[in-house]
PDB file of N, CA and C in Angstrom:
ATOM      1  N   MET A   1      -4.189  33.538 -36.747  1.00  0.00           N
ATOM      2  CA  MET A   1      -4.523  32.361 -35.988  1.00  0.00           C
ATOM      3  C   MET A   1      -3.435  32.168 -34.930  1.00  0.00           C
ATOM      4  N   ALA A   2      -3.861  31.884 -33.732  1.00  0.00           N
ATOM      5  CA  ALA A   2      -2.909  31.726 -32.636  1.00  0.00           C
ATOM      6  C   ALA A   2      -2.358  30.310 -32.646  1.00  0.00           C
ATOM      7  N   GLY A   3      -1.101  30.210 -32.344  1.00  0.00           N
ATOM      8  CA  GLY A   3      -0.459  28.903 -32.317  1.00  0.00           C
ATOM      9  C   GLY A   3      -0.764  28.177 -31.019  1.00  0.00           C
ATOM     10  N   PRO A   4      -0.347  26.922 -30.908  1.00  0.00           N
ATOM     11  CA  PRO A   4      -0.606  26.189 -29.667  1.00  0.00           C
ATOM     12  C   PRO A   4       0.125  26.850 -28.508  1.00  0.00           C
ATOM     13  N   LYS A   5      -0.558  26.867 -27.385  1.00  0.00           N
ATOM     14  CA  LYS A   5       0.035  27.478 -26.194  1.00  0.00           C
ATOM     15  C   LYS A   5       0.933  26.458 -25.520  1.00  0.00           C
ATOM     16  N   ASN A   6       2.080  26.894 -25.176  1.00  0.00           N
ATOM     17  CA  ASN A   6       3.034  26.030 -24.517  1.00  0.00           C
ATOM     18  C   ASN A   6       2.911  26.263 -23.024  1.00  0.00           C
ATOM     19  N   LYS A   7       2.154  25.409 -22.351  1.00  0.00           N
ATOM     20  CA  LYS A   7       1.966  25.555 -20.907  1.00  0.00           C
ATOM     21  C   LYS A   7       2.991  24.679 -20.218  1.00  0.00           C
ATOM     22  N   SER A   8       3.800  25.301 -19.436  1.00  0.00           N
ATOM     23  CA  SER A   8       4.758  24.509 -18.676  1.00  0.00           C
ATOM     24  C   SER A   8       4.372  24.608 -17.209  1.00  0.00           C
ATOM     25  N   SER A   9       4.412  23.486 -16.535  1.00  0.00           N
ATOM     26  CA  SER A   9       4.067  23.499 -15.120  1.00  0.00           C
ATOM     27  C   SER A   9       5.291  23.921 -14.332  1.00  0.00           C
ATOM     28  N   PRO A  10       5.071  24.595 -13.215  1.00  0.00           N
ATOM     29  CA  PRO A  10       6.213  25.030 -12.408  1.00  0.00           C
ATOM     30  C   PRO A  10       6.964  23.811 -11.867  1.00  0.00           C
ATOM     31  N   ALA A  11       8.211  23.997 -11.623  1.00  0.00           N
ATOM     32  CA  ALA A  11       9.031  22.911 -11.102  1.00  0.00           C
ATOM     33  C   ALA A  11       8.529  22.534  -9.714  1.00  0.00           C
ATOM     34  N   PRO A  12       8.522  21.241  -9.386  1.00  0.00           N
ATOM     35  CA  PRO A  12       8.036  20.851  -8.059  1.00  0.00           C
ATOM     36  C   PRO A  12       8.954  21.402  -6.968  1.00  0.00           C
ATOM     37  N   ALA A  13       8.322  21.775  -5.890  1.00  0.00           N
ATOM     38  CA  ALA A  13       9.081  22.331  -4.768  1.00  0.00           C
ATOM     39  C   ALA A  13       9.958  21.237  -4.171  1.00  0.00           C
ATOM     40  N   THR A  14      11.142  21.600  -3.816  1.00  0.00           N
ATOM     41  CA  THR A  14      12.024  20.608  -3.216  1.00  0.00           C
ATOM     42  C   THR A  14      11.876  20.655  -1.717  1.00  0.00           C
ATOM     43  N   LYS A  15      11.904  19.509  -1.122  1.00  0.00           N
ATOM     44  CA  LYS A  15      11.766  19.416   0.337  1.00  0.00           C
ATOM     45  C   LYS A  15      13.138  19.559   0.973  1.00  0.00           C
ATOM     46  N   ALA A  16      13.129  20.181   2.104  1.00  0.00           N
ATOM     47  CA  ALA A  16      14.368  20.263   2.874  1.00  0.00           C
ATOM     48  C   ALA A  16      14.635  18.878   3.443  1.00  0.00           C
ATOM     49  N   PRO A  17      15.880  18.483   3.537  1.00  0.00           N
ATOM     50  CA  PRO A  17      16.151  17.151   4.093  1.00  0.00           C
ATOM     51  C   PRO A  17      15.615  17.067   5.516  1.00  0.00           C
ATOM     52  N   SER A  18      14.940  15.982   5.782  1.00  0.00           N
ATOM     53  CA  SER A  18      14.362  15.829   7.115  1.00  0.00           C
ATOM     54  C   SER A  18      15.216  14.879   7.938  1.00  0.00           C
ATOM     55  N   ALA A  19      15.074  15.026   9.231  1.00  0.00           N
ATOM     56  CA  ALA A  19      15.814  14.162  10.149  1.00  0.00           C
ATOM     57  C   ALA A  19      15.235  12.759  10.044  1.00  0.00           C
ATOM     58  N   PRO A  20      16.042  11.754  10.245  1.00  0.00           N
ATOM     59  CA  PRO A  20      15.506  10.394  10.181  1.00  0.00           C
ATOM     60  C   PRO A  20      14.430  10.195  11.249  1.00  0.00           C
ATOM     61  N   ALA A  21      13.425   9.444  10.888  1.00  0.00           N
ATOM     62  CA  ALA A  21      12.324   9.206  11.823  1.00  0.00           C
ATOM     63  C   ALA A  21      12.822   8.368  12.987  1.00  0.00           C
ATOM     64  N   SER A  22      12.346   8.729  14.162  1.00  0.00           N
ATOM     65  CA  SER A  22      12.754   7.949  15.333  1.00  0.00           C
ATOM     66  C   SER A  22      11.980   6.635  15.332  1.00  0.00           C
ATOM     67  N   PRO A  23      12.567   5.594  15.857  1.00  0.00           N
ATOM     68  CA  PRO A  23      11.876   4.307  15.861  1.00  0.00           C
ATOM     69  C   PRO A  23      10.647   4.381  16.758  1.00  0.00           C
ATOM     70  N   PRO A  24       9.626   3.596  16.446  1.00  0.00           N
ATOM     71  CA  PRO A  24       8.417   3.640  17.279  1.00  0.00           C
ATOM     72  C   PRO A  24       8.717   3.149  18.691  1.00  0.00           C
ATOM     73  N   ALA A  25       7.963   3.681  19.613  1.00  0.00           N
ATOM     74  CA  ALA A  25       8.147   3.289  21.013  1.00  0.00           C
ATOM     75  C   ALA A  25       7.753   1.825  21.174  1.00  0.00           C
ATOM     76  N   PRO A  26       8.436   1.104  22.033  1.00  0.00           N
ATOM     77  CA  PRO A  26       8.062  -0.299  22.237  1.00  0.00           C
ATOM     78  C   PRO A  26       6.682  -0.374  22.877  1.00  0.00           C
ATOM     79  N   PRO A  27       5.935  -1.435  22.585  1.00  0.00           N
ATOM     80  CA  PRO A  27       4.595  -1.530  23.168  1.00  0.00           C
ATOM     81  C   PRO A  27       4.674  -1.667  24.682  1.00  0.00           C
ATOM     82  N   ALA A  28       3.665  -1.137  25.322  1.00  0.00           N
ATOM     83  CA  ALA A  28       3.614  -1.220  26.787  1.00  0.00           C
ATOM     84  C   ALA A  28       3.415  -2.674  27.190  1.00  0.00           C
ATOM     85  N   PRO A  29       3.999  -3.080  28.284  1.00  0.00           N
ATOM     86  CA  PRO A  29       3.791  -4.463  28.720  1.00  0.00           C
ATOM     87  C   PRO A  29       2.321  -4.683  29.061  1.00  0.00           C
ATOM     88  N   PRO A  30       1.815  -5.862  28.799  1.00  0.00           N
ATOM     89  CA  PRO A  30       0.394  -6.099  29.094  1.00  0.00           C
ATOM     90  C   PRO A  30       0.134  -5.999  30.593  1.00  0.00           C
ATOM     91  N   ILE A  31      -1.015  -5.474  30.914  1.00  0.00           N
ATOM     92  CA  ILE A  31      -1.401  -5.355  32.319  1.00  0.00           C
ATOM     93  C   ILE A  31      -1.907  -6.718  32.764  1.00  0.00           C
ATOM     94  N   THR A  32      -1.328  -7.226  33.804  1.00  0.00           N
ATOM     95  CA  THR A  32      -1.795  -8.509  34.323  1.00  0.00           C
ATOM     96  C   THR A  32      -2.841  -8.250  35.392  1.00  0.00           C
ATOM     97  N   VAL A  33      -3.852  -9.049  35.358  1.00  0.00           N
ATOM     98  CA  VAL A  33      -4.913  -8.919  36.354  1.00  0.00           C
ATOM     99  C   VAL A  33      -5.017 -10.241  37.104  1.00  0.00           C
ATOM    100  N   ARG A  34      -5.312 -10.135  38.373  1.00  0.00           N
ATOM    101  CA  ARG A  34      -5.435 -11.334  39.205  1.00  0.00           C
ATOM    102  C   ARG A  34      -6.775 -12.017  38.961  1.00  0.00           C
ATOM    103  N   HIS A  35      -6.762 -13.314  39.060  1.00  0.00           N
ATOM    104  CA  HIS A  35      -7.971 -14.118  38.883  1.00  0.00           C
ATOM    105  C   HIS A  35      -9.072 -13.638  39.827  1.00  0.00           C
ATOM    106  N   GLU A  36      -8.689 -13.361  41.068  1.00  0.00           N
ATOM    107  CA  GLU A  36      -9.657 -12.916  42.071  1.00  0.00           C
ATOM    108  C   GLU A  36     -10.310 -11.594  41.665  1.00  0.00           C
ATOM    109  N   ASP A  37      -9.525 -10.673  41.102  1.00  0.00           N
ATOM    110  CA  ASP A  37     -10.067  -9.379  40.686  1.00  0.00           C
ATOM    111  C   ASP A  37     -11.055  -9.542  39.524  1.00  0.00           C
ATOM    112  N   VAL A  38     -10.714 -10.424  38.589  1.00  0.00           N
ATOM    113  CA  VAL A  38     -11.619 -10.667  37.457  1.00  0.00           C
ATOM    114  C   VAL A  38     -12.905 -11.317  37.959  1.00  0.00           C
ATOM    115  N   ALA A  39     -12.762 -12.268  38.879  1.00  0.00           N
ATOM    116  CA  ALA A  39     -13.944 -12.940  39.415  1.00  0.00           C
ATOM    117  C   ALA A  39     -14.869 -11.947  40.110  1.00  0.00           C
ATOM    118  N   ASN A  40     -14.299 -11.062  40.919  1.00  0.00           N
ATOM    119  CA  ASN A  40     -15.118 -10.053  41.613  1.00  0.00           C
ATOM    120  C   ASN A  40     -15.789  -9.115  40.623  1.00  0.00           C
ATOM    121  N   ALA A  41     -15.029  -8.663  39.642  1.00  0.00           N
ATOM    122  CA  ALA A  41     -15.595  -7.742  38.652  1.00  0.00           C
ATOM    123  C   ALA A  41     -16.700  -8.418  37.855  1.00  0.00           C
ATOM    124  N   ALA A  42     -16.484  -9.671  37.460  1.00  0.00           N
ATOM    125  CA  ALA A  42     -17.504 -10.408  36.706  1.00  0.00           C
ATOM    126  C   ALA A  42     -18.764 -10.592  37.557  1.00  0.00           C
ATOM    127  N   TYR A  43     -18.572 -10.857  38.826  1.00  0.00           N
ATOM    128  CA  TYR A  43     -19.719 -11.009  39.730  1.00  0.00           C
ATOM    129  C   TYR A  43     -20.524  -9.718  39.806  1.00  0.00           C
ATOM    130  N   PHE A  44     -19.837  -8.579  39.947  1.00  0.00           N
ATOM    131  CA  PHE A  44     -20.560  -7.315  40.040  1.00  0.00           C
ATOM    132  C   PHE A  44     -21.228  -6.951  38.717  1.00  0.00           C
ATOM    133  N   LEU A  45     -20.606  -7.331  37.599  1.00  0.00           N
ATOM    134  CA  LEU A  45     -21.281  -7.125  36.312  1.00  0.00           C
ATOM    135  C   LEU A  45     -22.562  -7.959  36.255  1.00  0.00           C
ATOM    136  N   TRP A  46     -22.484  -9.186  36.755  1.00  0.00           N
ATOM    137  CA  TRP A  46     -23.665 -10.047  36.761  1.00  0.00           C
ATOM    138  C   TRP A  46     -24.761  -9.467  37.650  1.00  0.00           C
ATOM    139  N   LEU A  47     -24.372  -8.918  38.810  1.00  0.00           N
ATOM    140  CA  LEU A  47     -25.366  -8.302  39.686  1.00  0.00           C
ATOM    141  C   LEU A  47     -26.043  -7.117  39.006  1.00  0.00           C
ATOM    142  N   LYS A  48     -25.238  -6.345  38.270  1.00  0.00           N
ATOM    143  CA  LYS A  48     -25.764  -5.141  37.628  1.00  0.00           C
ATOM    144  C   LYS A  48     -26.698  -5.457  36.465  1.00  0.00           C
ATOM    145  N   ARG A  49     -26.313  -6.444  35.656  1.00  0.00           N
ATOM    146  CA  ARG A  49     -27.074  -6.636  34.421  1.00  0.00           C
ATOM    147  C   ARG A  49     -27.461  -8.074  34.124  1.00  0.00           C
ATOM    148  N   GLY A  50     -27.038  -9.018  34.978  1.00  0.00           N
ATOM    149  CA  GLY A  50     -27.346 -10.424  34.705  1.00  0.00           C
ATOM    150  C   GLY A  50     -26.529 -10.899  33.520  1.00  0.00           C
ATOM    151  N   GLY A  51     -27.057 -11.835  32.788  1.00  0.00           N
ATOM    152  CA  GLY A  51     -26.396 -12.267  31.568  1.00  0.00           C
ATOM    153  C   GLY A  51     -25.523 -13.487  31.733  1.00  0.00           C
ATOM    154  N   ASP A  52     -24.750 -13.732  30.716  1.00  0.00           N
ATOM    155  CA  ASP A  52     -23.918 -14.919  30.601  1.00  0.00           C
ATOM    156  C   ASP A  52     -22.641 -14.770  31.423  1.00  0.00           C
ATOM    157  N   ALA A  53     -22.287 -15.807  32.159  1.00  0.00           N
ATOM    158  CA  ALA A  53     -21.103 -15.762  33.020  1.00  0.00           C
ATOM    159  C   ALA A  53     -19.832 -15.574  32.206  1.00  0.00           C
ATOM    160  N   HIS A  54     -19.730 -16.272  31.083  1.00  0.00           N
ATOM    161  CA  HIS A  54     -18.519 -16.162  30.254  1.00  0.00           C
ATOM    162  C   HIS A  54     -18.388 -14.759  29.672  1.00  0.00           C
ATOM    163  N   ALA A  55     -19.490 -14.200  29.199  1.00  0.00           N
ATOM    164  CA  ALA A  55     -19.459 -12.847  28.638  1.00  0.00           C
ATOM    165  C   ALA A  55     -19.076 -11.832  29.718  1.00  0.00           C
ATOM    166  N   ASN A  56     -19.610 -12.013  30.924  1.00  0.00           N
ATOM    167  CA  ASN A  56     -19.275 -11.104  32.020  1.00  0.00           C
ATOM    168  C   ASN A  56     -17.797 -11.233  32.396  1.00  0.00           C
ATOM    169  N   TRP A  57     -17.272 -12.459  32.365  1.00  0.00           N
ATOM    170  CA  TRP A  57     -15.863 -12.679  32.686  1.00  0.00           C
ATOM    171  C   TRP A  57     -14.979 -11.959  31.670  1.00  0.00           C
ATOM    172  N   CYS A  58     -15.283 -12.143  30.399  1.00  0.00           N
ATOM    173  CA  CYS A  58     -14.483 -11.501  29.337  1.00  0.00           C
ATOM    174  C   CYS A  58     -14.557  -9.982  29.431  1.00  0.00           C
ATOM    175  N   GLU A  59     -15.745  -9.477  29.705  1.00  0.00           N
ATOM    176  CA  GLU A  59     -15.918  -8.026  29.855  1.00  0.00           C
ATOM    177  C   GLU A  59     -15.143  -7.510  31.060  1.00  0.00           C
ATOM    178  N   ALA A  60     -15.177  -8.246  32.161  1.00  0.00           N
ATOM    179  CA  ALA A  60     -14.444  -7.849  33.366  1.00  0.00           C
ATOM    180  C   ALA A  60     -12.945  -7.824  33.084  1.00  0.00           C
ATOM    181  N   GLU A  61     -12.429  -8.837  32.391  1.00  0.00           N
ATOM    182  CA  GLU A  61     -11.004  -8.870  32.036  1.00  0.00           C
ATOM    183  C   GLU A  61     -10.632  -7.681  31.172  1.00  0.00           C
ATOM    184  N   ARG A  62     -11.467  -7.401  30.173  1.00  0.00           N
ATOM    185  CA  ARG A  62     -11.186  -6.287  29.261  1.00  0.00           C
ATOM    186  C   ARG A  62     -11.160  -4.968  30.020  1.00  0.00           C
ATOM    187  N   LEU A  63     -12.146  -4.756  30.877  1.00  0.00           N
ATOM    188  CA  LEU A  63     -12.195  -3.504  31.639  1.00  0.00           C
ATOM    189  C   LEU A  63     -10.994  -3.344  32.552  1.00  0.00           C
ATOM    190  N   LEU A  64     -10.635  -4.404  33.250  1.00  0.00           N
ATOM    191  CA  LEU A  64      -9.514  -4.326  34.185  1.00  0.00           C
ATOM    192  C   LEU A  64      -8.193  -4.103  33.446  1.00  0.00           C
ATOM    193  N   ARG A  65      -8.020  -4.742  32.305  1.00  0.00           N
ATOM    194  CA  ARG A  65      -6.772  -4.557  31.546  1.00  0.00           C
ATOM    195  C   ARG A  65      -6.658  -3.157  30.956  1.00  0.00           C
ATOM    196  N   ASN A  66      -7.802  -2.516  30.739  1.00  0.00           N
ATOM    197  CA  ASN A  66      -7.792  -1.145  30.242  1.00  0.00           C
ATOM    198  C   ASN A  66      -7.779  -0.126  31.377  1.00  0.00           C
ATOM    199  N   GLY A  67      -7.662  -0.606  32.605  1.00  0.00           N
ATOM    200  CA  GLY A  67      -7.576   0.298  33.742  1.00  0.00           C
ATOM    201  C   GLY A  67      -8.902   0.890  34.158  1.00  0.00           C
ATOM    202  N   GLN A  68     -10.002   0.277  33.732  1.00  0.00           N
ATOM    203  CA  GLN A  68     -11.326   0.798  34.071  1.00  0.00           C
ATOM    204  C   GLN A  68     -11.932  -0.037  35.182  1.00  0.00           C
ATOM    205  N   LYS A  69     -12.899   0.546  35.836  1.00  0.00           N
ATOM    206  CA  LYS A  69     -13.628  -0.172  36.893  1.00  0.00           C
ATOM    207  C   LYS A  69     -14.946  -0.668  36.299  1.00  0.00           C
ATOM    208  N   PRO A  70     -15.288  -1.912  36.569  1.00  0.00           N
ATOM    209  CA  PRO A  70     -16.585  -2.424  36.077  1.00  0.00           C
ATOM    210  C   PRO A  70     -17.752  -1.836  36.836  1.00  0.00           C
TER     211      PRO A  70
END
């Protein structure tokens, strides 16, 4: 009769010391958009698709702050 098998797991691999992580980059400053630019963009969104003035204004602001053209 065979005795219990003694299974030993291999020793865990050791990691080489790593360099300390660099601090995260500071966030980019928010892009400011002029009231006139948002108004124009919102107007053109309204011409293109109609809809709610407030929704078009918010969409125009979002697009301009992301560097996109409405």
